[in-house]
Amino acid sequence: MMRVLVVDDEPQLLRALRINLSARRYEVVVAADGASALEAAARHLPDLVILDLGLPDMDGAEVIAGLRGWTKVPILVLSGRADAADKVDALDAGADDYVTKPFSMEELMARLRALQRRAEGDSGADEPVVLIGHFSVDLSAKTITRRADASAEAPESVHLTKTEWAVLEVLVRNPGRLVSGKQLLQQVWGPAYKSETNYLRFYLAKLRQKLEPEPSHPKQLLTEPGMGYRFQP
């Protein structure tokens, strides 16, 4: 049974989440503030964390940083804030995904299931071969070839530049996870890069042209405006 730590200072929401998660056979641990959340995480070692950003004693991003100091547990952020910058800060601190309040329980559960699959290793994030469009991407060999089940008169390969590979690898090693623009820039170009979003637009467009069947309507290399990028397996 998966253990979920739910952190929120709204008693009604906390109760609703506990009831709904328990009904879906999750073991639920609750906390109403940041300090209690960090203590509960250390004591109960949850498999997943649902975390509100607006806590009475500390910002949710501080809780994320505290957790990331010792655990890689998937963290789903709940945010009632309209400013996308707050969500980006949470993602940069180490959150895996977010849901904006008010939200439907169906959406929350879908996001939670996606994180659960990732936590259980079912997403294939550690596998050396990833499927994008009609192509198989071998991260170990750094090669891309047309899949055998795709119609082609002859084997076809795709060449990526060093930078294109770096951008693609960050995304595909985080399947289903939103990667903020700042994260992507710093992992590919270095810590001095924070706001050069034109770089990302350029390289994502190049990758889509090479890998997506319909580059203008991508289904796997996705952009979430103002937030970041996501590889959808």
Protein backbone atom coordinates (compact mmCIF):
# COMPACT_ATOMS: atom_id res chain seq x y z
CA MET A 1 0.00 0.00 0.00
CA MET A 2 1.35 3.40 -1.03
CA ARG A 3 1.79 5.88 1.80
CA VAL A 4 0.89 9.50 1.00
CA LEU A 5 1.77 12.50 3.11
CA VAL A 6 -0.80 15.29 2.63
CA VAL A 7 0.23 18.77 3.79
CA ASP A 8 -2.38 21.55 3.84
CA ASP A 9 -3.56 24.08 6.43
CA GLU A 10 -7.21 23.98 5.28
CA PRO A 11 -8.97 21.48 7.60
CA GLN A 12 -11.84 20.77 5.20
CA LEU A 13 -9.54 20.12 2.27
CA LEU A 14 -7.23 18.01 4.40
CA ARG A 15 -10.20 15.90 5.54
CA ALA A 16 -11.53 15.56 1.97
CA LEU A 17 -8.15 14.43 0.67
CA ARG A 18 -7.73 11.94 3.49
CA ILE A 19 -11.17 10.43 2.84
CA ASN A 20 -10.73 10.23 -0.94
CA LEU A 21 -7.22 8.81 -0.78
CA SER A 22 -8.14 6.27 1.88
CA ALA A 23 -11.10 5.15 -0.24
CA ARG A 24 -8.63 4.48 -3.05
CA ARG A 25 -6.51 2.29 -0.78
CA TYR A 26 -3.74 4.75 -0.02
CA GLU A 27 -2.32 4.96 3.49
CA VAL A 28 -2.64 8.63 4.42
CA VAL A 29 -0.56 10.74 6.81
CA VAL A 30 -1.57 14.38 7.26
CA ALA A 31 0.16 17.57 8.42
CA ALA A 32 -1.15 21.13 8.70
CA ASP A 33 2.13 23.09 8.58
CA GLY A 34 5.66 22.86 7.25
CA ALA A 35 7.41 21.82 10.44
CA SER A 36 4.92 19.02 11.06
CA ALA A 37 5.29 17.93 7.43
CA LEU A 38 9.06 17.57 7.67
CA GLU A 39 8.73 15.70 10.96
CA ALA A 40 6.04 13.38 9.55
CA ALA A 41 8.11 12.69 6.43
CA ALA A 42 11.11 11.67 8.52
CA ARG A 43 8.98 9.47 10.77
CA HIS A 44 6.70 7.79 8.21
CA LEU A 45 8.86 7.82 5.04
CA PRO A 46 6.00 8.43 2.57
CA ASP A 47 6.01 7.14 -1.00
CA LEU A 48 4.33 10.32 -2.28
CA VAL A 49 3.82 13.86 -0.95
CA ILE A 50 0.93 16.24 -1.71
CA LEU A 51 1.99 19.70 -0.57
CA ASP A 52 0.22 23.05 -0.37
CA LEU A 53 2.50 26.02 -1.07
CA GLY A 54 0.70 28.38 1.32
CA LEU A 55 1.50 27.10 4.81
CA PRO A 56 1.23 29.11 8.04
CA ASP A 57 4.79 28.66 9.30
CA MET A 58 6.91 28.48 6.14
CA ASP A 59 6.61 28.58 2.38
CA GLY A 60 5.96 25.29 0.64
CA ALA A 61 9.17 25.74 -1.38
CA GLU A 62 11.11 25.60 1.92
CA VAL A 63 9.43 22.30 2.74
CA ILE A 64 10.39 20.96 -0.67
CA ALA A 65 13.99 22.02 -0.14
CA GLY A 66 13.97 20.34 3.27
CA LEU A 67 12.69 17.10 1.77
CA ARG A 68 15.07 17.20 -1.16
CA GLY A 69 17.96 17.34 1.28
CA TRP A 70 17.52 13.62 1.98
CA THR A 71 14.78 12.06 -0.19
CA LYS A 72 13.71 11.80 -3.84
CA VAL A 73 10.06 11.09 -2.95
CA PRO A 74 7.72 12.45 -5.68
CA ILE A 75 6.12 15.73 -4.63
CA LEU A 76 2.83 17.01 -6.04
CA VAL A 77 2.27 20.68 -5.27
CA LEU A 78 -1.15 22.20 -4.60
CA SER A 79 -1.24 25.92 -5.38
CA GLY A 80 -3.91 28.53 -4.93
CA ARG A 81 -1.59 31.21 -6.25
CA ALA A 82 -2.29 32.74 -9.65
CA ASP A 83 1.31 33.77 -10.27
CA ALA A 84 3.09 31.17 -12.40
CA ALA A 85 6.40 32.29 -10.88
CA ASP A 86 5.41 30.70 -7.56
CA LYS A 87 4.86 27.37 -9.26
CA VAL A 88 8.10 27.65 -11.19
CA ASP A 89 9.95 28.32 -7.91
CA ALA A 90 8.39 25.19 -6.42
CA LEU A 91 9.41 23.11 -9.45
CA ASP A 92 12.92 24.54 -9.30
CA ALA A 93 13.07 23.63 -5.60
CA GLY A 94 12.41 20.00 -6.52
CA ALA A 95 8.65 19.45 -6.91
CA ASP A 96 7.62 16.95 -9.57
CA ASP A 97 4.25 18.36 -10.64
CA TYR A 98 1.52 20.79 -9.59
CA VAL A 99 -2.22 21.15 -9.46
CA THR A 100 -3.85 24.58 -9.17
CA LYS A 101 -6.68 25.17 -6.69
CA PRO A 102 -9.56 24.74 -7.12
CA PHE A 103 -9.07 21.34 -8.69
CA SER A 104 -11.11 18.26 -9.46
CA MET A 105 -10.42 15.08 -7.54
CA GLU A 106 -10.18 13.27 -10.89
CA GLU A 107 -7.31 15.50 -12.02
CA LEU A 108 -5.52 15.17 -8.70
CA MET A 109 -5.79 11.38 -8.76
CA ALA A 110 -4.57 11.22 -12.37
CA ARG A 111 -1.50 13.29 -11.49
CA LEU A 112 -0.93 11.17 -8.40
CA ARG A 113 -1.15 7.94 -10.39
CA ALA A 114 1.40 9.29 -12.87
CA LEU A 115 3.82 10.05 -10.04
CA GLN A 116 3.12 6.66 -8.50
CA ARG A 117 4.05 4.92 -11.75
CA ARG A 118 7.24 6.92 -11.87
CA ALA A 119 8.04 6.07 -8.26
CA GLU A 120 7.47 2.38 -8.90
CA GLY A 121 9.73 2.45 -11.92
CA ASP A 122 6.96 1.64 -14.39
CA SER A 123 7.63 4.72 -16.47
CA GLY A 124 10.86 3.29 -17.87
CA ALA A 125 12.85 6.40 -16.94
CA ASP A 126 15.96 4.30 -16.37
CA GLU A 127 15.60 2.38 -19.63
CA PRO A 128 18.18 3.25 -22.32
CA VAL A 129 15.58 3.22 -25.13
CA VAL A 130 12.68 5.71 -25.32
CA LEU A 131 9.97 5.85 -27.99
CA ILE A 132 9.13 9.22 -29.56
CA GLY A 133 6.87 9.32 -32.58
CA HIS A 134 8.06 6.72 -35.09
CA PHE A 135 11.56 6.64 -33.58
CA SER A 136 13.46 4.73 -30.90
CA VAL A 137 15.87 6.92 -28.94
CA ASP A 138 18.79 4.98 -27.47
CA LEU A 139 20.20 7.23 -24.76
CA SER A 140 23.10 4.93 -24.06
CA ALA A 141 24.32 4.71 -27.65
CA LYS A 142 23.08 8.21 -28.49
CA THR A 143 21.36 7.00 -31.63
CA ILE A 144 17.87 7.45 -33.05
CA THR A 145 16.40 4.99 -35.54
CA ARG A 146 12.98 4.48 -37.09
CA ARG A 147 10.98 1.88 -35.21
CA ALA A 148 10.61 -1.50 -36.90
CA ASP A 149 6.81 -1.28 -36.83
CA ALA A 150 6.76 2.07 -38.59
CA SER A 151 6.38 2.07 -42.35
CA ALA A 152 9.65 2.86 -44.07
CA GLU A 153 11.32 1.69 -47.22
CA ALA A 154 14.74 1.59 -45.57
CA PRO A 155 16.18 2.06 -42.08
CA GLU A 156 16.34 5.72 -41.14
CA SER A 157 18.38 7.45 -38.51
CA VAL A 158 18.22 10.97 -37.08
CA HIS A 159 21.23 13.08 -36.19
CA LEU A 160 21.05 15.40 -33.19
CA THR A 161 23.54 18.06 -32.24
CA LYS A 162 25.22 17.91 -28.84
CA THR A 163 22.85 20.55 -27.45
CA GLU A 164 19.77 18.88 -28.91
CA TRP A 165 20.81 15.64 -27.23
CA ALA A 166 21.30 17.42 -23.91
CA VAL A 167 17.84 19.04 -24.03
CA LEU A 168 16.17 15.81 -25.10
CA GLU A 169 17.91 13.73 -22.44
CA VAL A 170 16.82 15.99 -19.58
CA LEU A 171 13.20 15.69 -20.70
CA VAL A 172 13.06 11.96 -21.42
CA ARG A 173 14.77 11.08 -18.15
CA ASN A 174 11.89 12.85 -16.41
CA PRO A 175 8.92 11.18 -18.14
CA GLY A 176 5.60 12.84 -17.44
CA ARG A 177 7.24 15.42 -15.21
CA LEU A 178 7.06 19.16 -15.83
CA VAL A 179 10.60 20.54 -16.14
CA SER A 180 10.71 24.30 -15.68
CA GLY A 181 12.49 26.46 -18.23
CA LYS A 182 15.00 27.53 -15.60
CA GLN A 183 15.79 23.91 -14.72
CA LEU A 184 16.27 22.98 -18.35
CA LEU A 185 18.48 25.98 -19.07
CA GLN A 186 20.71 25.38 -16.07
CA GLN A 187 21.07 21.64 -16.68
CA VAL A 188 21.98 22.10 -20.35
CA TRP A 189 23.80 25.44 -20.47
CA GLY A 190 24.88 25.95 -16.86
CA PRO A 191 23.90 27.82 -13.66
CA ALA A 192 24.42 31.27 -15.19
CA TYR A 193 21.48 30.72 -17.55
CA LYS A 194 18.04 31.49 -16.13
CA SER A 195 15.90 33.45 -18.58
CA GLU A 196 17.13 32.63 -22.09
CA THR A 197 13.80 31.13 -23.10
CA ASN A 198 14.54 31.79 -26.77
CA TYR A 199 17.14 29.01 -26.57
CA LEU A 200 14.51 26.57 -25.38
CA ARG A 201 11.94 27.56 -28.01
CA PHE A 202 14.55 27.11 -30.73
CA TYR A 203 15.79 23.68 -29.62
CA LEU A 204 12.34 22.29 -28.83
CA ALA A 205 11.20 23.33 -32.30
CA LYS A 206 14.21 21.53 -33.81
CA LEU A 207 13.54 18.37 -31.81
CA ARG A 208 9.88 18.35 -32.79
CA GLN A 209 10.79 18.75 -36.45
CA LYS A 210 13.05 15.72 -36.21
CA LEU A 211 11.01 13.46 -33.94
CA GLU A 212 7.33 14.37 -33.82
CA PRO A 213 5.07 13.08 -36.65
CA GLU A 214 3.26 16.45 -36.63
CA PRO A 215 5.73 19.07 -35.33
CA SER A 216 3.06 21.80 -35.22
CA HIS A 217 0.86 19.57 -33.04
CA PRO A 218 3.33 17.76 -30.75
CA LYS A 219 2.05 14.91 -28.62
CA GLN A 220 5.17 14.00 -26.65
CA LEU A 221 7.55 16.98 -26.52
CA LEU A 222 5.12 19.42 -24.93
CA THR A 223 5.29 23.07 -23.90
CA GLU A 224 3.25 24.36 -20.96
CA PRO A 225 3.23 28.14 -21.55
CA GLY A 226 4.85 30.14 -18.80
CA MET A 227 5.73 26.99 -16.87
CA GLY A 228 8.11 24.69 -18.70
CA TYR A 229 8.32 21.54 -20.79
CA ARG A 230 7.19 17.96 -20.47
CA PHE A 231 8.01 14.67 -22.20
CA GLN A 232 4.82 12.64 -22.37
CA PRO A 233 5.65 8.94 -22.94
